[in-house]
Amino acid sequence: MFVTADEACGWQPLPLSDAEVRYAAVWLDPSEADELLAQLLHEIAWERHRLHMFGRELDAPRLSCWIGDAGAVYTYSRSRFEPRPWTDALRSLRARVEDACGARFNSVLANLYRNGQDSMGWHSDDEAELGPQPVIASVSLGAERRFRLRRKSPRGVRAMPQGLALAHGSLLCMAGDTQRNYQHDLPKASGLSDARVNLTFRFIHTPA
C-alpha cells in the first residue's frame, strides 16, 4: 500500500478557504518532546521584546528569542532583531521541520509563554522580508494552548474565529495565501500555570 508524505507525517488539513494549513498532533514522540522542552527552557537566552502597538511602545506579553543564520534580520512592529546563533538542538530540529513541511528555513522565533496569562494578539506573519506566500512552521512544546485563526474582514466586520488546541510535540504548517487572508492569535488561558514553548520556523529573504 502506498503511503503519502502527508500520511507518514500525520498531517491533517484544516478546512479553511483560501489558505493552506496542516496540523500534525503527534509529530514528536512524547519523551522526545519532554526532553527538548527542558533543554530549550535552559539554553535559550529568553528576553522581553519591546513592541510598538497602538501608538505606544509596550512589553511583549511573552518572552522571546530570535535565532537564525547570519544576516537573517527580522523587523517586526518597527523593531529590528539581529539573530542569535543556532543551538545544536534547534539546528537539528530545523532539518526535520524542513523535511516535514517541504520548505527551507533560515530562522526561528522562539516564544516562551510562562503561564496562561502570557498571550499574543491577532496578527499575520506578513512582513515584507517573509515574501508573498511565506511558509510558517510552528512546533509546540509544553502546555496545550488554544490557537485561533480568523479571516481578515473589512473594518467594522467581525469574523468568526476557528480554534485548534496545539498539543505538546505537535507541528502546525501555514503556507500559500494563509497570511494574506487570515490572522491568528493565542488568547490567555485562565488558571493555567504550566509553560509553553513555541518555535515558529520561517525564511527571511535578504536583499541581493
Protein backbone atom coordinates (compact mmCIF):
# COMPACT_ATOMS: atom_id res chain seq x y z
CA MET A 1 0.00 0.00 0.00
CA PHE A 2 1.36 3.43 -0.98
CA VAL A 3 1.73 5.91 1.89
CA THR A 4 1.90 9.60 1.03
CA ALA A 5 4.32 12.01 2.73
CA ASP A 6 1.41 13.75 4.44
CA GLU A 7 0.12 10.47 5.88
CA ALA A 8 3.60 9.49 7.09
CA CYS A 9 3.90 12.80 8.96
CA GLY A 10 0.37 12.54 10.38
CA TRP A 11 -0.81 15.73 8.68
CA GLN A 12 -4.45 16.74 8.89
CA PRO A 13 -5.58 19.66 6.68
CA LEU A 14 -7.68 22.39 8.31
CA PRO A 15 -10.87 23.25 6.38
CA LEU A 16 -10.09 26.92 5.65
CA SER A 17 -10.88 28.56 2.32
CA ASP A 18 -8.09 30.47 0.53
CA ALA A 19 -5.47 29.10 2.94
CA GLU A 20 -3.12 26.14 3.34
CA VAL A 21 -2.94 24.97 6.95
CA ARG A 22 -1.91 21.47 8.09
CA TYR A 23 -1.60 20.08 11.60
CA ALA A 24 0.21 17.01 12.97
CA ALA A 25 -0.91 16.46 16.56
CA VAL A 26 1.75 13.84 17.44
CA TRP A 27 4.76 14.93 15.43
CA LEU A 28 7.33 14.30 18.18
CA ASP A 29 7.39 11.30 20.47
CA PRO A 30 6.22 12.43 23.95
CA SER A 31 9.52 11.55 25.65
CA GLU A 32 11.49 13.41 22.97
CA ALA A 33 9.19 16.42 23.31
CA ASP A 34 9.72 16.39 27.10
CA GLU A 35 13.49 16.33 26.70
CA LEU A 36 13.51 19.08 24.06
CA LEU A 37 11.29 21.34 26.18
CA ALA A 38 13.60 21.04 29.19
CA GLN A 39 16.66 21.69 27.04
CA LEU A 40 15.24 24.78 25.32
CA LEU A 41 13.98 26.32 28.57
CA HIS A 42 17.54 26.10 29.87
CA GLU A 43 19.67 27.01 26.83
CA ILE A 44 17.72 29.76 25.03
CA ALA A 45 18.51 33.35 26.05
CA TRP A 46 14.91 34.42 26.72
CA GLU A 47 14.22 38.15 26.69
CA ARG A 48 11.29 40.56 26.78
CA HIS A 49 10.89 42.21 23.37
CA ARG A 50 9.52 45.74 23.05
CA LEU A 51 6.70 46.21 20.51
CA HIS A 52 5.15 49.33 19.00
CA MET A 53 1.39 49.00 19.34
CA PHE A 54 -1.48 51.48 19.42
CA GLY A 55 0.96 54.38 19.18
CA ARG A 56 2.93 53.24 22.23
CA GLU A 57 5.96 51.08 22.95
CA LEU A 58 4.93 48.11 25.10
CA ASP A 59 6.48 44.96 26.54
CA ALA A 60 5.52 41.89 24.52
CA PRO A 61 3.14 39.62 26.52
CA ARG A 62 5.61 36.69 26.35
CA LEU A 63 9.37 36.06 26.34
CA SER A 64 11.14 35.51 23.02
CA CYS A 65 14.42 34.96 21.23
CA TRP A 66 15.19 35.46 17.53
CA ILE A 67 17.60 32.79 16.23
CA GLY A 68 18.89 32.19 12.72
CA ASP A 69 21.56 32.30 10.05
CA ALA A 70 23.84 35.33 9.92
CA GLY A 71 22.02 38.06 8.04
CA ALA A 72 18.52 36.76 8.78
CA VAL A 73 17.46 40.09 10.31
CA TYR A 74 13.78 40.40 11.16
CA THR A 75 11.80 43.63 11.55
CA TYR A 76 8.58 43.29 13.50
CA SER A 77 6.43 46.04 14.95
CA ARG A 78 9.11 48.59 13.94
CA SER A 79 11.75 46.75 15.99
CA ARG A 80 14.83 45.21 14.33
CA PHE A 81 16.03 41.83 15.60
CA GLU A 82 19.51 40.50 14.88
CA PRO A 83 19.61 36.68 15.03
CA ARG A 84 21.34 34.80 17.80
CA PRO A 85 23.29 31.68 16.69
CA TRP A 86 21.56 28.33 16.27
CA THR A 87 21.83 25.89 19.15
CA ASP A 88 22.64 22.29 18.26
CA ALA A 89 19.14 21.18 19.23
CA LEU A 90 17.42 23.83 17.10
CA ARG A 91 19.69 23.21 14.11
CA SER A 92 18.82 19.52 14.21
CA LEU A 93 15.12 20.24 14.65
CA ARG A 94 15.16 22.69 11.74
CA ALA A 95 16.27 19.94 9.33
CA ARG A 96 13.39 17.73 10.46
CA VAL A 97 10.83 20.53 10.15
CA GLU A 98 12.12 21.36 6.66
CA ASP A 99 11.67 17.73 5.64
CA ALA A 100 8.15 17.56 7.10
CA CYS A 101 6.98 20.82 5.52
CA GLY A 102 8.87 20.58 2.23
CA ALA A 103 10.32 24.06 2.75
CA ARG A 104 13.58 25.76 3.67
CA PHE A 105 14.03 27.85 6.83
CA ASN A 106 16.87 30.15 7.89
CA SER A 107 15.46 31.41 11.19
CA VAL A 108 13.17 30.64 14.10
CA LEU A 109 11.29 32.81 16.57
CA ALA A 110 11.28 31.03 19.92
CA ASN A 111 8.48 32.13 22.24
CA LEU A 112 8.01 31.28 25.90
CA TYR A 113 4.50 31.56 27.34
CA ARG A 114 5.27 31.26 31.05
CA ASN A 115 1.67 30.57 32.07
CA GLY A 116 -1.87 31.20 30.90
CA GLN A 117 -1.53 34.95 31.37
CA ASP A 118 1.06 35.19 28.58
CA SER A 119 -0.58 35.54 25.19
CA MET A 120 -0.36 37.03 21.69
CA GLY A 121 -2.97 39.18 19.98
CA TRP A 122 -4.38 38.99 16.47
CA HIS A 123 -1.77 39.39 13.72
CA SER A 124 -0.48 37.97 10.44
CA ASP A 125 3.10 36.98 9.67
CA ASP A 126 3.11 39.13 6.54
CA GLU A 127 6.26 41.27 6.86
CA ALA A 128 7.88 42.05 3.51
CA GLU A 129 11.04 40.03 4.22
CA LEU A 130 8.95 36.85 4.57
CA GLY A 131 7.84 37.05 0.93
CA PRO A 132 4.33 36.98 -0.61
CA GLN A 133 3.48 33.38 0.36
CA PRO A 134 5.55 32.50 3.44
CA VAL A 135 5.68 29.03 4.93
CA ILE A 136 5.47 29.29 8.73
CA ALA A 137 6.11 26.05 10.64
CA SER A 138 5.15 26.05 14.32
CA VAL A 139 6.37 23.43 16.83
CA SER A 140 4.57 23.43 20.20
CA LEU A 141 6.07 22.10 23.44
CA GLY A 142 4.65 22.09 26.94
CA ALA A 143 1.19 23.20 28.00
CA GLU A 144 -1.57 22.74 25.43
CA ARG A 145 -2.86 26.14 24.30
CA ARG A 146 -5.73 27.24 22.09
CA PHE A 147 -4.65 28.72 18.74
CA ARG A 148 -7.20 30.63 16.68
CA LEU A 149 -7.46 31.76 13.06
CA ARG A 150 -9.92 34.24 11.60
CA ARG A 151 -10.38 35.53 8.09
CA LYS A 152 -9.43 39.16 7.50
CA SER A 153 -12.56 41.28 7.16
CA PRO A 154 -13.41 44.89 6.30
CA ARG A 155 -13.13 47.31 9.21
CA GLY A 156 -16.16 47.02 11.48
CA VAL A 157 -17.00 43.47 10.36
CA ARG A 158 -16.18 40.77 12.93
CA ALA A 159 -15.04 37.41 11.54
CA MET A 160 -15.79 34.21 13.43
CA PRO A 161 -12.52 32.59 14.62
CA GLN A 162 -11.78 28.89 14.33
CA GLY A 163 -9.85 27.32 17.20
CA LEU A 164 -7.37 24.48 17.49
CA ALA A 165 -5.71 23.07 20.62
CA LEU A 166 -1.96 22.84 19.93
CA ALA A 167 -0.66 19.76 21.71
CA HIS A 168 2.76 19.05 23.25
CA GLY A 169 5.02 17.82 20.44
CA SER A 170 2.73 18.97 17.62
CA LEU A 171 3.60 20.68 14.33
CA LEU A 172 1.45 23.25 12.51
CA CYS A 173 2.30 24.45 9.00
CA MET A 174 0.77 27.56 7.41
CA ALA A 175 1.52 28.21 3.74
CA GLY A 176 0.10 29.62 0.49
CA ASP A 177 -2.15 32.66 1.00
CA THR A 178 -2.80 31.97 4.69
CA GLN A 179 -1.01 35.11 5.93
CA ARG A 180 -2.61 37.24 3.21
CA ASN A 181 -6.14 36.15 4.08
CA TYR A 182 -6.06 35.24 7.79
CA GLN A 183 -4.92 36.46 11.20
CA HIS A 184 -4.06 34.24 14.15
CA ASP A 185 -3.71 34.66 17.91
CA LEU A 186 -3.03 32.79 21.15
CA PRO A 187 -5.50 34.01 23.82
CA LYS A 188 -4.98 33.89 27.55
CA ALA A 189 -5.87 30.66 29.37
CA SER A 190 -7.38 31.26 32.80
CA GLY A 191 -5.96 29.13 35.60
CA LEU A 192 -3.10 27.64 33.57
CA SER A 193 0.23 27.62 35.45
CA ASP A 194 2.35 25.48 33.09
CA ALA A 195 4.71 26.92 30.48
CA ARG A 196 4.60 26.51 26.70
CA VAL A 197 7.45 26.96 24.22
CA ASN A 198 6.52 27.71 20.62
CA LEU A 199 9.07 27.60 17.78
CA THR A 200 7.99 29.31 14.55
CA PHE A 201 10.40 28.50 11.73
CA ARG A 202 10.48 30.83 8.74
CA PHE A 203 12.62 32.03 5.83
CA ILE A 204 13.89 35.61 5.75
CA HIS A 205 14.57 36.98 2.26
CA THR A 206 17.63 39.24 2.40
CA PRO A 207 18.32 41.95 -0.23
CA ALA A 208 20.56 40.79 -3.09
